[in-house]
Amino acid sequence: MHTNDSLPRRPRGRPALHGQSYADTRDLLIRRGMALLTERGISATSIDEVLKSTQIPKGSFYHYFANKSEFTLAVMDAYHHYFCAKLTRYLGDSSQAPLARLHAFVDSACRGLERFDFKRGCLIGNLGQEVVQLEPALRLRLEQILCGWEALLEQSLKDAVTAGELAPESDCAALAHQFWIGWEGAVLRARLAGSTEPMTSFLQFFMKIAK
């Protein structure tokens, strides 16, 4: 997802807003940005809307971010950090066989879409669909994030090879690459259909080609 693991300290001379520290207010903006971007993407999300929903004065935004692009990068990094932690939790679960861990991740993702009534998807996938409108720095970060996810899955698939669940000659890097290409499409189709069937169907297909 590489990420800013900690939020910056409050610079001297800048006042806290609403009794919160600089870092707390910045984190609030990022978390609200994550919620909106997972629902709507970048084009349909305005800075004014983020500020209004957090009750932070309009002129205060530029205390925390130079522009919308810098804000979007911060939101992407925060989402990447969250998603990597989730992937690591599921794919690194030694109590389950390696391929069962991938099933558990997909089950969790399906429950997440259902919990938000299919309104929230993958923030990275949403931004990827708007690539023609993104600045080069945002495009580059998207690709870096996806490569990071691939690396985590690649290691889990290597564990599956070691455990005898996949053939010794399996190209785990290529399989991980193919998984994330297909997965983002499956999430999009699930949101369109209002059903997790595209996600579970994709997993079944992936397991067939992986074996």
N, C-alpha and C. Protein backbone atom coordinates (compact mmCIF):
# COMPACT_ATOMS: atom_id res chain seq x y z
N MET A 1 1.06 -0.69 0.00
CA MET A 1 0.00 0.00 0.00
C MET A 1 1.04 0.68 0.00
N HIS A 2 6.56 1.71 2.12
CA HIS A 2 5.69 2.50 1.44
C HIS A 2 4.71 3.46 2.05
N THR A 3 4.22 3.44 3.17
CA THR A 3 3.20 4.33 3.68
C THR A 3 3.78 5.22 4.73
N ASN A 4 3.02 6.27 5.07
CA ASN A 4 3.37 7.09 6.20
C ASN A 4 2.78 6.41 7.43
N ASP A 5 3.63 5.70 8.21
CA ASP A 5 3.12 4.92 9.32
C ASP A 5 2.66 5.78 10.49
N SER A 6 3.08 7.03 10.52
CA SER A 6 2.66 7.91 11.60
C SER A 6 2.32 9.27 11.03
N LEU A 7 1.42 9.93 11.69
CA LEU A 7 1.02 11.26 11.25
C LEU A 7 2.01 12.28 11.76
N PRO A 8 2.20 13.37 11.03
CA PRO A 8 3.18 14.38 11.45
C PRO A 8 2.75 15.09 12.71
N ARG A 9 3.73 15.54 13.47
CA ARG A 9 3.42 16.31 14.66
C ARG A 9 2.93 17.69 14.29
N ARG A 10 2.21 18.27 15.20
CA ARG A 10 1.68 19.61 14.95
C ARG A 10 2.82 20.63 14.88
N PRO A 11 2.91 21.37 13.76
CA PRO A 11 3.96 22.37 13.65
C PRO A 11 3.76 23.48 14.67
N ARG A 12 4.85 24.08 15.12
CA ARG A 12 4.76 25.18 16.06
C ARG A 12 4.04 26.36 15.41
N GLY A 13 3.22 27.03 16.20
CA GLY A 13 2.59 28.25 15.72
C GLY A 13 1.26 28.04 15.03
N ARG A 14 0.88 26.77 14.76
CA ARG A 14 -0.41 26.53 14.13
C ARG A 14 -1.42 26.13 15.19
N PRO A 15 -2.55 26.77 15.23
CA PRO A 15 -3.52 26.48 16.28
C PRO A 15 -4.25 25.17 16.04
N ALA A 16 -4.61 24.51 17.11
CA ALA A 16 -5.45 23.32 16.99
C ALA A 16 -6.88 23.77 16.73
N LEU A 17 -7.63 22.97 15.99
CA LEU A 17 -9.01 23.30 15.68
C LEU A 17 -9.94 22.45 16.52
N HIS A 18 -11.00 23.10 17.07
CA HIS A 18 -12.00 22.38 17.84
C HIS A 18 -11.37 21.60 18.99
N GLY A 19 -10.29 22.10 19.55
CA GLY A 19 -9.65 21.43 20.67
C GLY A 19 -8.81 20.23 20.29
N GLN A 20 -8.67 19.95 19.00
CA GLN A 20 -7.89 18.81 18.55
C GLN A 20 -6.48 19.27 18.16
N SER A 21 -5.55 18.33 18.20
CA SER A 21 -4.19 18.64 17.78
C SER A 21 -4.13 18.72 16.26
N TYR A 22 -3.02 19.25 15.76
CA TYR A 22 -2.80 19.31 14.31
C TYR A 22 -2.93 17.92 13.70
N ALA A 23 -2.26 16.93 14.32
CA ALA A 23 -2.28 15.56 13.79
C ALA A 23 -3.68 14.98 13.82
N ASP A 24 -4.42 15.23 14.89
CA ASP A 24 -5.78 14.70 14.99
C ASP A 24 -6.69 15.28 13.91
N THR A 25 -6.57 16.58 13.67
CA THR A 25 -7.41 17.22 12.66
C THR A 25 -7.04 16.72 11.27
N ARG A 26 -5.75 16.58 11.00
CA ARG A 26 -5.30 16.06 9.71
C ARG A 26 -5.81 14.63 9.51
N ASP A 27 -5.74 13.84 10.57
CA ASP A 27 -6.22 12.46 10.49
C ASP A 27 -7.72 12.42 10.24
N LEU A 28 -8.47 13.33 10.85
CA LEU A 28 -9.91 13.40 10.63
C LEU A 28 -10.21 13.68 9.16
N LEU A 29 -9.49 14.62 8.56
CA LEU A 29 -9.68 14.93 7.15
C LEU A 29 -9.37 13.71 6.27
N ILE A 30 -8.30 13.02 6.59
CA ILE A 30 -7.91 11.85 5.80
C ILE A 30 -8.95 10.74 5.92
N ARG A 31 -9.42 10.49 7.13
CA ARG A 31 -10.41 9.43 7.32
C ARG A 31 -11.72 9.75 6.60
N ARG A 32 -12.12 11.02 6.62
CA ARG A 32 -13.33 11.39 5.90
C ARG A 32 -13.10 11.30 4.39
N GLY A 33 -11.91 11.66 3.96
CA GLY A 33 -11.57 11.52 2.56
C GLY A 33 -11.62 10.07 2.11
N MET A 34 -11.15 9.15 2.95
CA MET A 34 -11.21 7.73 2.62
C MET A 34 -12.65 7.27 2.43
N ALA A 35 -13.54 7.69 3.33
CA ALA A 35 -14.94 7.28 3.24
C ALA A 35 -15.57 7.78 1.94
N LEU A 36 -15.32 9.04 1.61
CA LEU A 36 -15.92 9.62 0.41
C LEU A 36 -15.33 9.03 -0.87
N LEU A 37 -14.02 8.85 -0.91
CA LEU A 37 -13.38 8.33 -2.12
C LEU A 37 -13.72 6.87 -2.37
N THR A 38 -13.96 6.10 -1.31
CA THR A 38 -14.37 4.71 -1.52
C THR A 38 -15.79 4.62 -2.05
N GLU A 39 -16.57 5.68 -1.85
CA GLU A 39 -17.94 5.70 -2.35
C GLU A 39 -18.02 6.31 -3.75
N ARG A 40 -17.30 7.44 -3.96
CA ARG A 40 -17.55 8.24 -5.15
C ARG A 40 -16.37 8.41 -6.09
N GLY A 41 -15.16 8.21 -5.61
CA GLY A 41 -14.01 8.52 -6.43
C GLY A 41 -13.62 9.98 -6.27
N ILE A 42 -12.61 10.40 -7.00
CA ILE A 42 -12.05 11.73 -6.81
C ILE A 42 -12.85 12.82 -7.51
N SER A 43 -13.38 12.55 -8.68
CA SER A 43 -14.06 13.59 -9.46
C SER A 43 -15.31 14.09 -8.76
N ALA A 44 -16.03 13.18 -8.10
CA ALA A 44 -17.29 13.54 -7.46
C ALA A 44 -17.13 13.98 -6.02
N THR A 45 -15.89 14.08 -5.57
CA THR A 45 -15.62 14.49 -4.18
C THR A 45 -14.91 15.83 -4.17
N SER A 46 -15.52 16.80 -3.56
CA SER A 46 -14.91 18.13 -3.48
C SER A 46 -14.30 18.36 -2.09
N ILE A 47 -13.31 19.22 -2.04
CA ILE A 47 -12.70 19.58 -0.76
C ILE A 47 -13.73 20.24 0.14
N ASP A 48 -14.59 21.07 -0.44
CA ASP A 48 -15.63 21.72 0.34
C ASP A 48 -16.52 20.70 1.05
N GLU A 49 -16.81 19.60 0.35
CA GLU A 49 -17.66 18.57 0.94
C GLU A 49 -16.95 17.88 2.11
N VAL A 50 -15.66 17.62 1.95
CA VAL A 50 -14.89 17.00 3.03
C VAL A 50 -14.88 17.91 4.25
N LEU A 51 -14.63 19.18 4.03
CA LEU A 51 -14.56 20.14 5.14
C LEU A 51 -15.92 20.30 5.81
N LYS A 52 -16.95 20.39 5.02
CA LYS A 52 -18.29 20.57 5.58
C LYS A 52 -18.68 19.39 6.45
N SER A 53 -18.36 18.19 6.00
CA SER A 53 -18.75 16.99 6.73
C SER A 53 -17.95 16.81 8.02
N THR A 54 -16.80 17.46 8.11
CA THR A 54 -15.98 17.38 9.33
C THR A 54 -16.10 18.63 10.19
N GLN A 55 -16.86 19.62 9.70
CA GLN A 55 -17.07 20.89 10.42
C GLN A 55 -15.76 21.62 10.67
N ILE A 56 -14.83 21.47 9.73
CA ILE A 56 -13.56 22.19 9.79
C ILE A 56 -13.67 23.40 8.87
N PRO A 57 -13.30 24.58 9.34
CA PRO A 57 -13.43 25.80 8.52
C PRO A 57 -12.76 25.66 7.17
N LYS A 58 -13.40 26.19 6.15
CA LYS A 58 -12.93 26.04 4.78
C LYS A 58 -11.49 26.50 4.60
N GLY A 59 -11.14 27.64 5.19
CA GLY A 59 -9.79 28.17 5.01
C GLY A 59 -8.71 27.37 5.70
N SER A 60 -9.11 26.42 6.54
CA SER A 60 -8.12 25.66 7.32
C SER A 60 -7.49 24.51 6.54
N PHE A 61 -8.11 24.11 5.45
CA PHE A 61 -7.61 22.94 4.71
C PHE A 61 -6.14 23.09 4.34
N TYR A 62 -5.75 24.30 3.94
CA TYR A 62 -4.39 24.49 3.44
C TYR A 62 -3.35 24.59 4.56
N HIS A 63 -3.79 24.48 5.80
CA HIS A 63 -2.85 24.29 6.90
C HIS A 63 -2.29 22.87 6.87
N TYR A 64 -3.07 21.96 6.27
CA TYR A 64 -2.75 20.54 6.33
C TYR A 64 -2.28 19.96 4.99
N PHE A 65 -2.78 20.51 3.90
CA PHE A 65 -2.43 20.00 2.57
C PHE A 65 -2.28 21.16 1.60
N ALA A 66 -1.29 21.07 0.74
CA ALA A 66 -1.03 22.15 -0.21
C ALA A 66 -2.13 22.27 -1.25
N ASN A 67 -2.73 21.13 -1.62
CA ASN A 67 -3.76 21.12 -2.66
C ASN A 67 -4.51 19.79 -2.62
N LYS A 68 -5.46 19.63 -3.52
CA LYS A 68 -6.27 18.40 -3.53
C LYS A 68 -5.42 17.19 -3.88
N SER A 69 -4.41 17.37 -4.74
CA SER A 69 -3.56 16.25 -5.11
C SER A 69 -2.78 15.72 -3.91
N GLU A 70 -2.23 16.61 -3.12
CA GLU A 70 -1.48 16.19 -1.93
C GLU A 70 -2.41 15.50 -0.94
N PHE A 71 -3.62 16.02 -0.80
CA PHE A 71 -4.63 15.40 0.06
C PHE A 71 -4.95 14.00 -0.43
N THR A 72 -5.15 13.85 -1.73
CA THR A 72 -5.49 12.55 -2.29
C THR A 72 -4.37 11.54 -2.07
N LEU A 73 -3.13 11.98 -2.23
CA LEU A 73 -1.99 11.09 -1.96
C LEU A 73 -1.99 10.64 -0.51
N ALA A 74 -2.28 11.55 0.41
CA ALA A 74 -2.31 11.19 1.83
C ALA A 74 -3.43 10.18 2.11
N VAL A 75 -4.57 10.38 1.46
CA VAL A 75 -5.69 9.45 1.63
C VAL A 75 -5.32 8.08 1.05
N MET A 76 -4.68 8.07 -0.11
CA MET A 76 -4.25 6.82 -0.72
C MET A 76 -3.28 6.07 0.18
N ASP A 77 -2.33 6.78 0.76
CA ASP A 77 -1.36 6.14 1.64
C ASP A 77 -2.03 5.57 2.89
N ALA A 78 -3.00 6.33 3.43
CA ALA A 78 -3.71 5.85 4.61
C ALA A 78 -4.52 4.59 4.29
N TYR A 79 -5.15 4.59 3.13
CA TYR A 79 -5.92 3.41 2.71
C TYR A 79 -4.98 2.22 2.48
N HIS A 80 -3.85 2.50 1.87
CA HIS A 80 -2.84 1.46 1.62
C HIS A 80 -2.38 0.84 2.93
N HIS A 81 -2.11 1.68 3.91
CA HIS A 81 -1.67 1.20 5.23
C HIS A 81 -2.74 0.32 5.86
N TYR A 82 -4.00 0.78 5.81
CA TYR A 82 -5.12 0.02 6.36
C TYR A 82 -5.27 -1.32 5.62
N PHE A 83 -5.20 -1.27 4.28
CA PHE A 83 -5.46 -2.47 3.50
C PHE A 83 -4.33 -3.48 3.63
N CYS A 84 -3.09 -3.00 3.73
CA CYS A 84 -1.95 -3.91 3.93
C CYS A 84 -2.08 -4.63 5.26
N ALA A 85 -2.52 -3.89 6.28
CA ALA A 85 -2.70 -4.51 7.59
C ALA A 85 -3.77 -5.60 7.52
N LYS A 86 -4.83 -5.32 6.77
CA LYS A 86 -5.90 -6.31 6.60
C LYS A 86 -5.39 -7.53 5.84
N LEU A 87 -4.69 -7.30 4.75
CA LEU A 87 -4.15 -8.42 3.98
C LEU A 87 -3.19 -9.26 4.81
N THR A 88 -2.33 -8.59 5.56
CA THR A 88 -1.36 -9.30 6.40
C THR A 88 -2.08 -10.14 7.46
N ARG A 89 -3.15 -9.58 8.02
CA ARG A 89 -3.91 -10.30 9.04
C ARG A 89 -4.50 -11.59 8.48
N TYR A 90 -5.04 -11.52 7.28
CA TYR A 90 -5.66 -12.71 6.69
C TYR A 90 -4.64 -13.64 6.04
N LEU A 91 -3.77 -13.08 5.21
CA LEU A 91 -2.82 -13.94 4.48
C LEU A 91 -1.72 -14.48 5.36
N GLY A 92 -1.51 -13.87 6.51
CA GLY A 92 -0.48 -14.34 7.43
C GLY A 92 -1.02 -15.18 8.57
N ASP A 93 -2.28 -15.58 8.49
CA ASP A 93 -2.92 -16.37 9.55
C ASP A 93 -2.42 -17.81 9.50
N SER A 94 -1.46 -18.13 10.34
CA SER A 94 -0.84 -19.46 10.32
C SER A 94 -1.75 -20.56 10.83
N SER A 95 -2.92 -20.19 11.37
CA SER A 95 -3.85 -21.21 11.86
C SER A 95 -4.62 -21.86 10.71
N GLN A 96 -4.51 -21.26 9.50
CA GLN A 96 -5.19 -21.80 8.33
C GLN A 96 -4.18 -22.15 7.24
N ALA A 97 -4.58 -23.05 6.36
CA ALA A 97 -3.76 -23.37 5.19
C ALA A 97 -3.69 -22.12 4.30
N PRO A 98 -2.60 -21.94 3.54
CA PRO A 98 -2.42 -20.73 2.73
C PRO A 98 -3.58 -20.35 1.83
N LEU A 99 -4.13 -21.30 1.10
CA LEU A 99 -5.22 -20.96 0.19
C LEU A 99 -6.52 -20.66 0.95
N ALA A 100 -6.68 -21.27 2.11
CA ALA A 100 -7.85 -20.96 2.94
C ALA A 100 -7.79 -19.52 3.43
N ARG A 101 -6.56 -19.01 3.60
CA ARG A 101 -6.41 -17.62 4.04
C ARG A 101 -6.93 -16.67 2.98
N LEU A 102 -6.70 -16.99 1.71
CA LEU A 102 -7.20 -16.14 0.63
C LEU A 102 -8.73 -16.18 0.61
N HIS A 103 -9.29 -17.35 0.84
CA HIS A 103 -10.75 -17.47 0.93
C HIS A 103 -11.28 -16.60 2.06
N ALA A 104 -10.58 -16.60 3.19
CA ALA A 104 -11.02 -15.81 4.34
C ALA A 104 -10.99 -14.32 4.03
N PHE A 105 -9.95 -13.88 3.29
CA PHE A 105 -9.88 -12.48 2.89
C PHE A 105 -11.05 -12.11 1.99
N VAL A 106 -11.36 -12.96 1.03
CA VAL A 106 -12.47 -12.67 0.11
C VAL A 106 -13.79 -12.65 0.88
N ASP A 107 -13.97 -13.58 1.81
CA ASP A 107 -15.20 -13.59 2.61
C ASP A 107 -15.34 -12.28 3.38
N SER A 108 -14.23 -11.80 3.94
CA SER A 108 -14.26 -10.54 4.68
C SER A 108 -14.62 -9.38 3.77
N ALA A 109 -14.04 -9.36 2.57
CA ALA A 109 -14.33 -8.30 1.60
C ALA A 109 -15.80 -8.31 1.20
N CYS A 110 -16.35 -9.50 1.04
CA CYS A 110 -17.77 -9.61 0.68
C CYS A 110 -18.65 -9.06 1.80
N ARG A 111 -18.31 -9.39 3.03
CA ARG A 111 -19.09 -8.89 4.17
C ARG A 111 -18.99 -7.36 4.25
N GLY A 112 -17.81 -6.82 3.92
CA GLY A 112 -17.63 -5.38 3.96
C GLY A 112 -18.52 -4.67 2.95
N LEU A 113 -18.60 -5.20 1.74
CA LEU A 113 -19.47 -4.59 0.74
C LEU A 113 -20.93 -4.66 1.16
N GLU A 114 -21.32 -5.79 1.72
CA GLU A 114 -22.71 -5.94 2.17
C GLU A 114 -23.02 -4.99 3.32
N ARG A 115 -22.06 -4.79 4.21
CA ARG A 115 -22.26 -3.92 5.38
C ARG A 115 -22.56 -2.49 4.95
N PHE A 116 -21.92 -2.05 3.87
CA PHE A 116 -22.14 -0.69 3.38
C PHE A 116 -23.10 -0.66 2.19
N ASP A 117 -23.89 -1.71 2.06
CA ASP A 117 -24.92 -1.78 1.02
C ASP A 117 -24.35 -1.54 -0.37
N PHE A 118 -23.13 -2.03 -0.61
CA PHE A 118 -22.46 -1.97 -1.91
C PHE A 118 -22.16 -0.54 -2.37
N LYS A 119 -22.20 0.40 -1.44
CA LYS A 119 -21.91 1.80 -1.79
C LYS A 119 -20.40 2.07 -1.76
N ARG A 120 -19.68 1.36 -0.93
CA ARG A 120 -18.24 1.56 -0.84
C ARG A 120 -17.50 0.43 -1.52
N GLY A 121 -16.57 0.79 -2.38
CA GLY A 121 -15.76 -0.22 -3.04
C GLY A 121 -14.31 -0.12 -2.59
N CYS A 122 -13.40 -0.36 -3.50
CA CYS A 122 -11.97 -0.24 -3.23
C CYS A 122 -11.52 1.15 -3.65
N LEU A 123 -10.96 1.89 -2.73
CA LEU A 123 -10.53 3.25 -3.05
C LEU A 123 -9.54 3.26 -4.21
N ILE A 124 -8.60 2.33 -4.20
CA ILE A 124 -7.59 2.28 -5.27
C ILE A 124 -8.24 1.91 -6.60
N GLY A 125 -9.17 0.98 -6.57
CA GLY A 125 -9.89 0.62 -7.79
C GLY A 125 -10.72 1.77 -8.32
N ASN A 126 -11.35 2.51 -7.41
CA ASN A 126 -12.14 3.67 -7.83
C ASN A 126 -11.28 4.71 -8.54
N LEU A 127 -10.12 4.99 -7.95
CA LEU A 127 -9.23 5.98 -8.55
C LEU A 127 -8.67 5.48 -9.87
N GLY A 128 -8.42 4.19 -9.97
CA GLY A 128 -7.91 3.63 -11.21
C GLY A 128 -8.86 3.82 -12.37
N GLN A 129 -10.16 3.85 -12.08
CA GLN A 129 -11.15 4.05 -13.14
C GLN A 129 -11.17 5.50 -13.63
N GLU A 130 -10.53 6.39 -12.87
CA GLU A 130 -10.49 7.80 -13.24
C GLU A 130 -9.09 8.20 -13.72
N VAL A 131 -8.33 7.24 -14.20
CA VAL A 131 -6.91 7.46 -14.48
C VAL A 131 -6.65 8.62 -15.43
N VAL A 132 -7.52 8.83 -16.40
CA VAL A 132 -7.27 9.90 -17.36
C VAL A 132 -7.35 11.27 -16.72
N GLN A 133 -7.96 11.36 -15.55
CA GLN A 133 -8.09 12.64 -14.88
C GLN A 133 -7.05 12.84 -13.78
N LEU A 134 -6.23 11.82 -13.56
CA LEU A 134 -5.27 11.88 -12.46
C LEU A 134 -3.93 12.46 -12.90
N GLU A 135 -3.31 13.19 -11.99
CA GLU A 135 -1.97 13.71 -12.24
C GLU A 135 -0.97 12.55 -12.24
N PRO A 136 0.17 12.71 -12.91
CA PRO A 136 1.17 11.63 -12.98
C PRO A 136 1.57 11.07 -11.62
N ALA A 137 1.70 11.93 -10.61
CA ALA A 137 2.11 11.46 -9.28
C ALA A 137 1.07 10.51 -8.69
N LEU A 138 -0.20 10.77 -8.95
CA LEU A 138 -1.25 9.91 -8.44
C LEU A 138 -1.27 8.57 -9.19
N ARG A 139 -1.04 8.63 -10.49
CA ARG A 139 -0.99 7.39 -11.28
C ARG A 139 0.16 6.50 -10.80
N LEU A 140 1.31 7.12 -10.59
CA LEU A 140 2.48 6.37 -10.14
C LEU A 140 2.21 5.73 -8.79
N ARG A 141 1.58 6.47 -7.89
CA ARG A 141 1.31 5.93 -6.55
C ARG A 141 0.32 4.78 -6.63
N LEU A 142 -0.66 4.88 -7.49
CA LEU A 142 -1.61 3.77 -7.67
C LEU A 142 -0.87 2.50 -8.07
N GLU A 143 0.02 2.61 -9.04
CA GLU A 143 0.76 1.44 -9.50
C GLU A 143 1.65 0.88 -8.40
N GLN A 144 2.30 1.76 -7.64
CA GLN A 144 3.13 1.31 -6.52
C GLN A 144 2.31 0.56 -5.48
N ILE A 145 1.14 1.07 -5.18
CA ILE A 145 0.28 0.43 -4.19
C ILE A 145 -0.15 -0.96 -4.66
N LEU A 146 -0.58 -1.06 -5.91
CA LEU A 146 -1.00 -2.36 -6.44
C LEU A 146 0.16 -3.35 -6.44
N CYS A 147 1.36 -2.88 -6.74
CA CYS A 147 2.53 -3.76 -6.70
C CYS A 147 2.79 -4.24 -5.27
N GLY A 148 2.52 -3.38 -4.30
CA GLY A 148 2.68 -3.78 -2.91
C GLY A 148 1.70 -4.87 -2.52
N TRP A 149 0.47 -4.74 -2.98
CA TRP A 149 -0.52 -5.78 -2.70
C TRP A 149 -0.12 -7.09 -3.37
N GLU A 150 0.39 -6.98 -4.59
CA GLU A 150 0.82 -8.19 -5.30
C GLU A 150 1.92 -8.91 -4.54
N ALA A 151 2.85 -8.14 -3.97
CA ALA A 151 3.97 -8.75 -3.24
C ALA A 151 3.46 -9.53 -2.02
N LEU A 152 2.47 -8.99 -1.33
CA LEU A 152 1.92 -9.69 -0.17
C LEU A 152 1.24 -10.99 -0.59
N LEU A 153 0.47 -10.93 -1.66
CA LEU A 153 -0.20 -12.15 -2.13
C LEU A 153 0.80 -13.15 -2.69
N GLU A 154 1.82 -12.66 -3.38
CA GLU A 154 2.84 -13.55 -3.92
C GLU A 154 3.46 -14.39 -2.82
N GLN A 155 3.77 -13.77 -1.69
CA GLN A 155 4.37 -14.52 -0.58
C GLN A 155 3.41 -15.57 -0.05
N SER A 156 2.13 -15.23 0.03
CA SER A 156 1.14 -16.20 0.50
C SER A 156 1.02 -17.37 -0.47
N LEU A 157 1.10 -17.10 -1.77
CA LEU A 157 1.04 -18.18 -2.76
C LEU A 157 2.29 -19.04 -2.71
N LYS A 158 3.42 -18.44 -2.38
CA LYS A 158 4.64 -19.23 -2.20
C LYS A 158 4.48 -20.18 -1.00
N ASP A 159 3.79 -19.70 0.03
CA ASP A 159 3.51 -20.56 1.17
C ASP A 159 2.63 -21.73 0.74
N ALA A 160 1.71 -21.46 -0.20
CA ALA A 160 0.84 -22.52 -0.70
C ALA A 160 1.65 -23.55 -1.49
N VAL A 161 2.67 -23.10 -2.20
CA VAL A 161 3.56 -24.03 -2.91
C VAL A 161 4.30 -24.90 -1.90
N THR A 162 4.84 -24.28 -0.87
CA THR A 162 5.57 -25.01 0.16
C THR A 162 4.69 -26.04 0.85
N ALA A 163 3.41 -25.66 1.04
CA ALA A 163 2.46 -26.56 1.71
C ALA A 163 1.91 -27.64 0.77
N GLY A 164 2.28 -27.59 -0.50
CA GLY A 164 1.82 -28.58 -1.45
C GLY A 164 0.44 -28.31 -2.02
N GLU A 165 -0.08 -27.11 -1.78
CA GLU A 165 -1.40 -26.76 -2.31
C GLU A 165 -1.33 -26.30 -3.76
N LEU A 166 -0.18 -25.78 -4.16
CA LEU A 166 0.06 -25.37 -5.53
C LEU A 166 1.27 -26.12 -6.06
N ALA A 167 1.34 -26.27 -7.38
CA ALA A 167 2.45 -26.99 -8.00
C ALA A 167 3.77 -26.27 -7.77
N PRO A 168 4.87 -27.01 -7.65
CA PRO A 168 6.19 -26.41 -7.41
C PRO A 168 6.59 -25.40 -8.49
N GLU A 169 6.12 -25.60 -9.71
CA GLU A 169 6.51 -24.72 -10.81
C GLU A 169 5.59 -23.49 -10.94
N SER A 170 4.68 -23.30 -10.00
CA SER A 170 3.76 -22.16 -10.07
C SER A 170 4.50 -20.83 -10.10
N ASP A 171 4.09 -19.96 -10.99
CA ASP A 171 4.66 -18.61 -11.07
C ASP A 171 3.84 -17.71 -10.14
N CYS A 172 4.25 -17.63 -8.89
CA CYS A 172 3.46 -16.94 -7.88
C CYS A 172 3.35 -15.44 -8.15
N ALA A 173 4.40 -14.85 -8.70
CA ALA A 173 4.35 -13.42 -9.01
C ALA A 173 3.31 -13.14 -10.08
N ALA A 174 3.27 -13.98 -11.11
CA ALA A 174 2.30 -13.80 -12.19
C ALA A 174 0.88 -14.05 -11.70
N LEU A 175 0.72 -15.05 -10.85
CA LEU A 175 -0.61 -15.34 -10.30
C LEU A 175 -1.11 -14.19 -9.44
N ALA A 176 -0.23 -13.61 -8.63
CA ALA A 176 -0.63 -12.48 -7.79
C ALA A 176 -1.01 -11.28 -8.65
N HIS A 177 -0.26 -11.07 -9.73
CA HIS A 177 -0.56 -9.98 -10.65
C HIS A 177 -1.95 -10.18 -11.27
N GLN A 178 -2.21 -11.40 -11.70
CA GLN A 178 -3.49 -11.70 -12.32
C GLN A 178 -4.64 -11.57 -11.33
N PHE A 179 -4.39 -11.96 -10.08
CA PHE A 179 -5.45 -11.87 -9.08
C PHE A 179 -5.93 -10.44 -8.91
N TRP A 180 -4.99 -9.50 -8.75
CA TRP A 180 -5.42 -8.13 -8.47
C TRP A 180 -6.04 -7.45 -9.69
N ILE A 181 -5.61 -7.85 -10.88
CA ILE A 181 -6.26 -7.32 -12.09
C ILE A 181 -7.73 -7.75 -12.11
N GLY A 182 -7.96 -9.02 -11.86
CA GLY A 182 -9.32 -9.54 -11.88
C GLY A 182 -10.15 -9.11 -10.68
N TRP A 183 -9.51 -8.99 -9.54
CA TRP A 183 -10.22 -8.66 -8.30
C TRP A 183 -10.88 -7.28 -8.38
N GLU A 184 -10.16 -6.30 -8.89
CA GLU A 184 -10.75 -4.96 -8.96
C GLU A 184 -11.97 -4.96 -9.87
N GLY A 185 -11.93 -5.73 -10.95
CA GLY A 185 -13.11 -5.85 -11.82
C GLY A 185 -14.25 -6.56 -11.12
N ALA A 186 -13.92 -7.56 -10.31
CA ALA A 186 -14.96 -8.30 -9.59
C ALA A 186 -15.67 -7.41 -8.57
N VAL A 187 -14.90 -6.55 -7.89
CA VAL A 187 -15.49 -5.63 -6.92
C VAL A 187 -16.41 -4.63 -7.62
N LEU A 188 -15.96 -4.11 -8.75
CA LEU A 188 -16.78 -3.19 -9.52
C LEU A 188 -18.10 -3.86 -9.93
N ARG A 189 -18.02 -5.07 -10.45
CA ARG A 189 -19.22 -5.79 -10.90
C ARG A 189 -20.14 -6.09 -9.72
N ALA A 190 -19.57 -6.40 -8.58
CA ALA A 190 -20.38 -6.66 -7.39
C ALA A 190 -21.17 -5.44 -6.98
N ARG A 191 -20.55 -4.27 -7.05
CA ARG A 191 -21.25 -3.03 -6.70
C ARG A 191 -22.37 -2.73 -7.70
N LEU A 192 -22.09 -3.00 -8.96
CA LEU A 192 -23.12 -2.78 -9.99
C LEU A 192 -24.32 -3.71 -9.78
N ALA A 193 -24.02 -4.96 -9.44
CA ALA A 193 -25.08 -5.96 -9.31
C ALA A 193 -25.73 -5.95 -7.94
N GLY A 194 -25.07 -5.33 -6.96
CA GLY A 194 -25.59 -5.38 -5.60
C GLY A 194 -25.53 -6.78 -5.04
N SER A 195 -24.48 -7.51 -5.44
CA SER A 195 -24.34 -8.91 -5.03
C SER A 195 -22.85 -9.26 -4.96
N THR A 196 -22.48 -10.12 -4.02
CA THR A 196 -21.07 -10.54 -3.91
C THR A 196 -20.75 -11.69 -4.85
N GLU A 197 -21.73 -12.15 -5.62
CA GLU A 197 -21.49 -13.29 -6.51
C GLU A 197 -20.31 -13.09 -7.45
N PRO A 198 -20.12 -11.90 -8.06
CA PRO A 198 -18.96 -11.72 -8.93
C PRO A 198 -17.62 -11.93 -8.20
N MET A 199 -17.56 -11.61 -6.93
CA MET A 199 -16.32 -11.77 -6.17
C MET A 199 -16.05 -13.25 -5.87
N THR A 200 -17.07 -13.95 -5.44
CA THR A 200 -16.88 -15.37 -5.15
C THR A 200 -16.66 -16.16 -6.44
N SER A 201 -17.32 -15.74 -7.51
CA SER A 201 -17.12 -16.39 -8.80
C SER A 201 -15.70 -16.20 -9.29
N PHE A 202 -15.18 -14.98 -9.12
CA PHE A 202 -13.80 -14.73 -9.54
C PHE A 202 -12.83 -15.58 -8.73
N LEU A 203 -13.05 -15.70 -7.44
CA LEU A 203 -12.14 -16.50 -6.61
C LEU A 203 -12.13 -17.95 -7.07
N GLN A 204 -13.30 -18.49 -7.38
CA GLN A 204 -13.37 -19.87 -7.87
C GLN A 204 -12.58 -20.02 -9.17
N PHE A 205 -12.72 -19.06 -10.07
CA PHE A 205 -11.99 -19.09 -11.33
C PHE A 205 -10.48 -18.99 -11.09
N PHE A 206 -10.09 -18.09 -10.19
CA PHE A 206 -8.67 -17.92 -9.90
C PHE A 206 -8.07 -19.21 -9.33
N MET A 207 -8.80 -19.85 -8.44
CA MET A 207 -8.29 -21.08 -7.83
C MET A 207 -8.10 -22.18 -8.88
N LYS A 208 -8.97 -22.19 -9.87
CA LYS A 208 -8.84 -23.19 -10.94
C LYS A 208 -7.58 -22.97 -11.77
N ILE A 209 -7.33 -21.68 -12.12
CA ILE A 209 -6.14 -21.45 -12.96
C ILE A 209 -4.86 -21.55 -12.13
N ALA A 210 -4.96 -21.27 -10.83
CA ALA A 210 -3.76 -21.34 -9.98
C ALA A 210 -3.30 -22.78 -9.80
N LYS A 211 -4.25 -23.68 -9.76
CA LYS A 211 -3.91 -25.08 -9.55
C LYS A 211 -3.64 -25.81 -10.86
